Amino acid sequence: MEDDALAFLTDAGLVGRHAMSQQKRWPANNTNTELEHKLGECIWWLTVLAGRMNIDIEVAAENFQTKTEKIIA
């Protein structure tokens, strides 16, 4: 699982690079295509990691959103 967590972090870093490239702050090719791919891959990794740790990712996301909305409101 640790290797998968590191793979997720690598992909999350690439999301940052592609976001910078989309905003013309980092040189890269196929930015939008790669950004879309990496965003999807990060969601996939989070789903896989949550499953391996016996965490319902949908419940976790709903709990986070509810808590955050209360703080922001």
PDB file of N, CA and C in Angstrom:
ATOM      1  N   MET A   1       0.817  -1.180   0.000  1.00  0.00           N
ATOM      2  CA  MET A   1       0.000   0.000   0.000  1.00  0.00           C
ATOM      3  C   MET A   1       0.872   1.258   0.000  1.00  0.00           C
ATOM      4  N   GLU A   2       2.018   1.198   0.638  1.00  0.00           N
ATOM      5  CA  GLU A   2       2.881   2.377   0.694  1.00  0.00           C
ATOM      6  C   GLU A   2       3.331   2.794  -0.703  1.00  0.00           C
ATOM      7  N   ASP A   3       3.624   1.802  -1.546  1.00  0.00           N
ATOM      8  CA  ASP A   3       4.033   2.115  -2.918  1.00  0.00           C
ATOM      9  C   ASP A   3       2.903   2.800  -3.677  1.00  0.00           C
ATOM     10  N   ASP A   4       1.680   2.351  -3.446  1.00  0.00           N
ATOM     11  CA  ASP A   4       0.541   2.977  -4.106  1.00  0.00           C
ATOM     12  C   ASP A   4       0.325   4.406  -3.603  1.00  0.00           C
ATOM     13  N   ALA A   5       0.547   4.631  -2.327  1.00  0.00           N
ATOM     14  CA  ALA A   5       0.422   5.985  -1.777  1.00  0.00           C
ATOM     15  C   ALA A   5       1.470   6.902  -2.408  1.00  0.00           C
ATOM     16  N   LEU A   6       2.674   6.401  -2.599  1.00  0.00           N
ATOM     17  CA  LEU A   6       3.712   7.197  -3.258  1.00  0.00           C
ATOM     18  C   LEU A   6       3.365   7.457  -4.719  1.00  0.00           C
ATOM     19  N   ALA A   7       2.776   6.469  -5.387  1.00  0.00           N
ATOM     20  CA  ALA A   7       2.355   6.659  -6.782  1.00  0.00           C
ATOM     21  C   ALA A   7       1.294   7.750  -6.857  1.00  0.00           C
ATOM     22  N   PHE A   8       0.357   7.759  -5.899  1.00  0.00           N
ATOM     23  CA  PHE A   8      -0.654   8.808  -5.854  1.00  0.00           C
ATOM     24  C   PHE A   8       0.009  10.170  -5.681  1.00  0.00           C
ATOM     25  N   LEU A   9       0.951  10.277  -4.766  1.00  0.00           N
ATOM     26  CA  LEU A   9       1.610  11.563  -4.527  1.00  0.00           C
ATOM     27  C   LEU A   9       2.359  12.052  -5.762  1.00  0.00           C
ATOM     28  N   THR A  10       2.948  11.140  -6.499  1.00  0.00           N
ATOM     29  CA  THR A  10       3.625  11.505  -7.743  1.00  0.00           C
ATOM     30  C   THR A  10       2.622  12.079  -8.734  1.00  0.00           C
ATOM     31  N   ASP A  11       1.490  11.397  -8.885  1.00  0.00           N
ATOM     32  CA  ASP A  11       0.465  11.882  -9.801  1.00  0.00           C
ATOM     33  C   ASP A  11      -0.113  13.215  -9.332  1.00  0.00           C
ATOM     34  N   ALA A  12      -0.283  13.380  -8.023  1.00  0.00           N
ATOM     35  CA  ALA A  12      -0.790  14.652  -7.494  1.00  0.00           C
ATOM     36  C   ALA A  12       0.186  15.781  -7.817  1.00  0.00           C
ATOM     37  N   GLY A  13       1.481  15.501  -7.727  1.00  0.00           N
ATOM     38  CA  GLY A  13       2.484  16.498  -8.111  1.00  0.00           C
ATOM     39  C   GLY A  13       2.390  16.859  -9.585  1.00  0.00           C
ATOM     40  N   LEU A  14       2.114  15.861 -10.418  1.00  0.00           N
ATOM     41  CA  LEU A  14       1.963  16.130 -11.846  1.00  0.00           C
ATOM     42  C   LEU A  14       0.708  16.955 -12.129  1.00  0.00           C
ATOM     43  N   VAL A  15      -0.342  16.784 -11.316  1.00  0.00           N
ATOM     44  CA  VAL A  15      -1.521  17.641 -11.447  1.00  0.00           C
ATOM     45  C   VAL A  15      -1.095  19.094 -11.241  1.00  0.00           C
ATOM     46  N   GLY A  16      -0.256  19.321 -10.244  1.00  0.00           N
ATOM     47  CA  GLY A  16       0.239  20.671  -9.981  1.00  0.00           C
ATOM     48  C   GLY A  16       1.018  21.223 -11.161  1.00  0.00           C
ATOM     49  N   ARG A  17       1.881  20.424 -11.737  1.00  0.00           N
ATOM     50  CA  ARG A  17       2.671  20.882 -12.888  1.00  0.00           C
ATOM     51  C   ARG A  17       1.773  21.202 -14.073  1.00  0.00           C
ATOM     52  N   HIS A  18       0.804  20.332 -14.350  1.00  0.00           N
ATOM     53  CA  HIS A  18      -0.081  20.565 -15.491  1.00  0.00           C
ATOM     54  C   HIS A  18      -1.004  21.759 -15.238  1.00  0.00           C
ATOM     55  N   ALA A  19      -1.396  21.971 -14.000  1.00  0.00           N
ATOM     56  CA  ALA A  19      -2.186  23.163 -13.665  1.00  0.00           C
ATOM     57  C   ALA A  19      -1.356  24.420 -13.904  1.00  0.00           C
ATOM     58  N   MET A  20      -0.079  24.372 -13.519  1.00  0.00           N
ATOM     59  CA  MET A  20       0.809  25.505 -13.776  1.00  0.00           C
ATOM     60  C   MET A  20       0.959  25.733 -15.277  1.00  0.00           C
ATOM     61  N   SER A  21       1.095  24.659 -16.034  1.00  0.00           N
ATOM     62  CA  SER A  21       1.251  24.777 -17.475  1.00  0.00           C
ATOM     63  C   SER A  21      -0.006  25.358 -18.111  1.00  0.00           C
ATOM     64  N   GLN A  22      -1.166  24.940 -17.630  1.00  0.00           N
ATOM     65  CA  GLN A  22      -2.416  25.466 -18.161  1.00  0.00           C
ATOM     66  C   GLN A  22      -2.506  26.979 -17.948  1.00  0.00           C
ATOM     67  N   GLN A  23      -1.921  27.441 -16.856  1.00  0.00           N
ATOM     68  CA  GLN A  23      -1.922  28.876 -16.542  1.00  0.00           C
ATOM     69  C   GLN A  23      -0.685  29.585 -17.100  1.00  0.00           C
ATOM     70  N   LYS A  24       0.042  28.883 -17.985  1.00  0.00           N
ATOM     71  CA  LYS A  24       1.229  29.443 -18.650  1.00  0.00           C
ATOM     72  C   LYS A  24       2.357  29.765 -17.671  1.00  0.00           C
ATOM     73  N   ARG A  25       2.465  28.964 -16.601  1.00  0.00           N
ATOM     74  CA  ARG A  25       3.519  29.165 -15.608  1.00  0.00           C
ATOM     75  C   ARG A  25       4.553  28.039 -15.636  1.00  0.00           C
ATOM     76  N   TRP A  26       4.338  27.020 -16.493  1.00  0.00           N
ATOM     77  CA  TRP A  26       5.256  25.900 -16.608  1.00  0.00           C
ATOM     78  C   TRP A  26       5.149  25.352 -18.021  1.00  0.00           C
ATOM     79  N   PRO A  27       6.289  25.128 -18.705  1.00  0.00           N
ATOM     80  CA  PRO A  27       6.226  24.654 -20.088  1.00  0.00           C
ATOM     81  C   PRO A  27       5.925  23.147 -20.164  1.00  0.00           C
ATOM     82  N   ALA A  28       4.862  22.796 -20.865  1.00  0.00           N
ATOM     83  CA  ALA A  28       4.531  21.381 -21.089  1.00  0.00           C
ATOM     84  C   ALA A  28       3.631  21.286 -22.315  1.00  0.00           C
ATOM     85  N   ASN A  29       3.636  20.117 -22.932  1.00  0.00           N
ATOM     86  CA  ASN A  29       2.786  19.858 -24.092  1.00  0.00           C
ATOM     87  C   ASN A  29       1.547  19.087 -23.659  1.00  0.00           C
ATOM     88  N   ASN A  30       0.481  19.186 -24.438  1.00  0.00           N
ATOM     89  CA  ASN A  30      -0.761  18.451 -24.184  1.00  0.00           C
ATOM     90  C   ASN A  30      -1.287  18.672 -22.770  1.00  0.00           C
ATOM     91  N   THR A  31      -1.196  19.885 -22.282  1.00  0.00           N
ATOM     92  CA  THR A  31      -1.532  20.184 -20.896  1.00  0.00           C
ATOM     93  C   THR A  31      -2.946  19.771 -20.524  1.00  0.00           C
ATOM     94  N   ASN A  32      -3.933  20.192 -21.295  1.00  0.00           N
ATOM     95  CA  ASN A  32      -5.312  19.891 -20.919  1.00  0.00           C
ATOM     96  C   ASN A  32      -5.595  18.397 -20.930  1.00  0.00           C
ATOM     97  N   THR A  33      -5.098  17.696 -21.936  1.00  0.00           N
ATOM     98  CA  THR A  33      -5.283  16.248 -22.017  1.00  0.00           C
ATOM     99  C   THR A  33      -4.618  15.558 -20.839  1.00  0.00           C
ATOM    100  N   GLU A  34      -3.380  15.930 -20.556  1.00  0.00           N
ATOM    101  CA  GLU A  34      -2.649  15.316 -19.442  1.00  0.00           C
ATOM    102  C   GLU A  34      -3.254  15.690 -18.086  1.00  0.00           C
ATOM    103  N   LEU A  35      -3.692  16.929 -17.940  1.00  0.00           N
ATOM    104  CA  LEU A  35      -4.304  17.361 -16.690  1.00  0.00           C
ATOM    105  C   LEU A  35      -5.570  16.563 -16.424  1.00  0.00           C
ATOM    106  N   GLU A  36      -6.415  16.411 -17.432  1.00  0.00           N
ATOM    107  CA  GLU A  36      -7.636  15.625 -17.271  1.00  0.00           C
ATOM    108  C   GLU A  36      -7.305  14.189 -16.877  1.00  0.00           C
ATOM    109  N   HIS A  37      -6.312  13.606 -17.540  1.00  0.00           N
ATOM    110  CA  HIS A  37      -5.907  12.228 -17.247  1.00  0.00           C
ATOM    111  C   HIS A  37      -5.412  12.094 -15.807  1.00  0.00           C
ATOM    112  N   LYS A  38      -4.548  13.001 -15.390  1.00  0.00           N
ATOM    113  CA  LYS A  38      -3.970  12.916 -14.044  1.00  0.00           C
ATOM    114  C   LYS A  38      -5.003  13.183 -12.958  1.00  0.00           C
ATOM    115  N   LEU A  39      -5.954  14.075 -13.205  1.00  0.00           N
ATOM    116  CA  LEU A  39      -7.026  14.290 -12.234  1.00  0.00           C
ATOM    117  C   LEU A  39      -7.832  13.007 -12.053  1.00  0.00           C
ATOM    118  N   GLY A  40      -8.178  12.362 -13.165  1.00  0.00           N
ATOM    119  CA  GLY A  40      -8.900  11.091 -13.091  1.00  0.00           C
ATOM    120  C   GLY A  40      -8.087  10.017 -12.397  1.00  0.00           C
ATOM    121  N   GLU A  41      -6.800   9.989 -12.677  1.00  0.00           N
ATOM    122  CA  GLU A  41      -5.922   8.985 -12.063  1.00  0.00           C
ATOM    123  C   GLU A  41      -5.815   9.202 -10.557  1.00  0.00           C
ATOM    124  N   CYS A  42      -5.750  10.455 -10.130  1.00  0.00           N
ATOM    125  CA  CYS A  42      -5.690  10.744  -8.688  1.00  0.00           C
ATOM    126  C   CYS A  42      -6.963  10.284  -7.985  1.00  0.00           C
ATOM    127  N   ILE A  43      -8.104  10.523  -8.611  1.00  0.00           N
ATOM    128  CA  ILE A  43      -9.356  10.047  -8.021  1.00  0.00           C
ATOM    129  C   ILE A  43      -9.344   8.530  -7.931  1.00  0.00           C
ATOM    130  N   TRP A  44      -8.861   7.884  -8.969  1.00  0.00           N
ATOM    131  CA  TRP A  44      -8.772   6.427  -8.965  1.00  0.00           C
ATOM    132  C   TRP A  44      -7.860   5.933  -7.835  1.00  0.00           C
ATOM    133  N   TRP A  45      -6.678   6.561  -7.698  1.00  0.00           N
ATOM    134  CA  TRP A  45      -5.757   6.166  -6.631  1.00  0.00           C
ATOM    135  C   TRP A  45      -6.400   6.327  -5.263  1.00  0.00           C
ATOM    136  N   LEU A  46      -7.099   7.432  -5.035  1.00  0.00           N
ATOM    137  CA  LEU A  46      -7.749   7.654  -3.742  1.00  0.00           C
ATOM    138  C   LEU A  46      -8.798   6.584  -3.471  1.00  0.00           C
ATOM    139  N   THR A  47      -9.517   6.201  -4.506  1.00  0.00           N
ATOM    140  CA  THR A  47     -10.527   5.148  -4.359  1.00  0.00           C
ATOM    141  C   THR A  47      -9.866   3.820  -4.006  1.00  0.00           C
ATOM    142  N   VAL A  48      -8.790   3.494  -4.687  1.00  0.00           N
ATOM    143  CA  VAL A  48      -8.060   2.250  -4.425  1.00  0.00           C
ATOM    144  C   VAL A  48      -7.495   2.255  -3.003  1.00  0.00           C
ATOM    145  N   LEU A  49      -6.841   3.341  -2.619  1.00  0.00           N
ATOM    146  CA  LEU A  49      -6.247   3.427  -1.284  1.00  0.00           C
ATOM    147  C   LEU A  49      -7.306   3.338  -0.192  1.00  0.00           C
ATOM    148  N   ALA A  50      -8.419   4.036  -0.379  1.00  0.00           N
ATOM    149  CA  ALA A  50      -9.496   3.981   0.613  1.00  0.00           C
ATOM    150  C   ALA A  50     -10.014   2.552   0.760  1.00  0.00           C
ATOM    151  N   GLY A  51     -10.212   1.882  -0.345  1.00  0.00           N
ATOM    152  CA  GLY A  51     -10.690   0.498  -0.299  1.00  0.00           C
ATOM    153  C   GLY A  51      -9.736  -0.418   0.447  1.00  0.00           C
ATOM    154  N   ARG A  52      -8.460  -0.253   0.237  1.00  0.00           N
ATOM    155  CA  ARG A  52      -7.465  -1.094   0.908  1.00  0.00           C
ATOM    156  C   ARG A  52      -7.389  -0.813   2.405  1.00  0.00           C
ATOM    157  N   MET A  53      -7.817   0.379   2.812  1.00  0.00           N
ATOM    158  CA  MET A  53      -7.805   0.741   4.229  1.00  0.00           C
ATOM    159  C   MET A  53      -9.200   0.633   4.857  1.00  0.00           C
ATOM    160  N   ASN A  54     -10.120  -0.017   4.115  1.00  0.00           N
ATOM    161  CA  ASN A  54     -11.486  -0.235   4.586  1.00  0.00           C
ATOM    162  C   ASN A  54     -12.203   1.073   4.936  1.00  0.00           C
ATOM    163  N   ILE A  55     -12.009   2.070   4.090  1.00  0.00           N
ATOM    164  CA  ILE A  55     -12.685   3.356   4.247  1.00  0.00           C
ATOM    165  C   ILE A  55     -13.616   3.532   3.054  1.00  0.00           C
ATOM    166  N   ASP A  56     -14.865   3.854   3.330  1.00  0.00           N
ATOM    167  CA  ASP A  56     -15.825   4.132   2.265  1.00  0.00           C
ATOM    168  C   ASP A  56     -15.544   5.544   1.756  1.00  0.00           C
ATOM    169  N   ILE A  57     -14.993   5.653   0.555  1.00  0.00           N
ATOM    170  CA  ILE A  57     -14.562   6.942   0.022  1.00  0.00           C
ATOM    171  C   ILE A  57     -15.731   7.893  -0.160  1.00  0.00           C
ATOM    172  N   GLU A  58     -16.900   7.371  -0.505  1.00  0.00           N
ATOM    173  CA  GLU A  58     -18.067   8.234  -0.685  1.00  0.00           C
ATOM    174  C   GLU A  58     -18.509   8.828   0.650  1.00  0.00           C
ATOM    175  N   VAL A  59     -18.502   8.018   1.694  1.00  0.00           N
ATOM    176  CA  VAL A  59     -18.859   8.510   3.030  1.00  0.00           C
ATOM    177  C   VAL A  59     -17.821   9.528   3.500  1.00  0.00           C
ATOM    178  N   ALA A  60     -16.561   9.235   3.272  1.00  0.00           N
ATOM    179  CA  ALA A  60     -15.496  10.156   3.676  1.00  0.00           C
ATOM    180  C   ALA A  60     -15.649  11.507   2.973  1.00  0.00           C
ATOM    181  N   ALA A  61     -15.961  11.482   1.688  1.00  0.00           N
ATOM    182  CA  ALA A  61     -16.129  12.725   0.928  1.00  0.00           C
ATOM    183  C   ALA A  61     -17.357  13.498   1.414  1.00  0.00           C
ATOM    184  N   GLU A  62     -18.446  12.794   1.675  1.00  0.00           N
ATOM    185  CA  GLU A  62     -19.656  13.448   2.177  1.00  0.00           C
ATOM    186  C   GLU A  62     -19.413  14.067   3.555  1.00  0.00           C
ATOM    187  N   ASN A  63     -18.729  13.330   4.433  1.00  0.00           N
ATOM    188  CA  ASN A  63     -18.426  13.862   5.768  1.00  0.00           C
ATOM    189  C   ASN A  63     -17.538  15.097   5.682  1.00  0.00           C
ATOM    190  N   PHE A  64     -16.547  15.050   4.818  1.00  0.00           N
ATOM    191  CA  PHE A  64     -15.667  16.194   4.630  1.00  0.00           C
ATOM    192  C   PHE A  64     -16.446  17.402   4.131  1.00  0.00           C
ATOM    193  N   GLN A  65     -17.286  17.173   3.130  1.00  0.00           N
ATOM    194  CA  GLN A  65     -18.043  18.282   2.549  1.00  0.00           C
ATOM    195  C   GLN A  65     -18.994  18.890   3.578  1.00  0.00           C
ATOM    196  N   THR A  66     -19.677  18.060   4.348  1.00  0.00           N
ATOM    197  CA  THR A  66     -20.603  18.562   5.375  1.00  0.00           C
ATOM    198  C   THR A  66     -19.856  19.388   6.407  1.00  0.00           C
ATOM    199  N   LYS A  67     -18.733  18.870   6.894  1.00  0.00           N
ATOM    200  CA  LYS A  67     -17.936  19.567   7.895  1.00  0.00           C
ATOM    201  C   LYS A  67     -17.401  20.895   7.346  1.00  0.00           C
ATOM    202  N   THR A  68     -16.906  20.872   6.131  1.00  0.00           N
ATOM    203  CA  THR A  68     -16.337  22.059   5.525  1.00  0.00           C
ATOM    204  C   THR A  68     -17.402  23.121   5.273  1.00  0.00           C
ATOM    205  N   GLU A  69     -18.571  22.702   4.815  1.00  0.00           N
ATOM    206  CA  GLU A  69     -19.651  23.658   4.577  1.00  0.00           C
ATOM    207  C   GLU A  69     -20.089  24.345   5.862  1.00  0.00           C
ATOM    208  N   LYS A  70     -20.075  23.610   6.980  1.00  0.00           N
ATOM    209  CA  LYS A  70     -20.426  24.220   8.270  1.00  0.00           C
ATOM    210  C   LYS A  70     -19.381  25.264   8.691  1.00  0.00           C
ATOM    211  N   ILE A  71     -18.128  24.985   8.412  1.00  0.00           N
ATOM    212  CA  ILE A  71     -17.054  25.913   8.775  1.00  0.00           C
ATOM    213  C   ILE A  71     -17.134  27.173   7.917  1.00  0.00           C
ATOM    214  N   ILE A  72     -17.392  27.006   6.641  1.00  0.00           N
ATOM    215  CA  ILE A  72     -17.415  28.132   5.705  1.00  0.00           C
ATOM    216  C   ILE A  72     -18.658  28.996   5.900  1.00  0.00           C
ATOM    217  N   ALA A  73     -19.776  28.361   6.241  1.00  0.00           N
ATOM    218  CA  ALA A  73     -21.053  29.099   6.343  1.00  0.00           C
ATOM    219  C   ALA A  73     -21.095  30.089   7.458  1.00  0.00           C
TER     220      ALA A  73
END
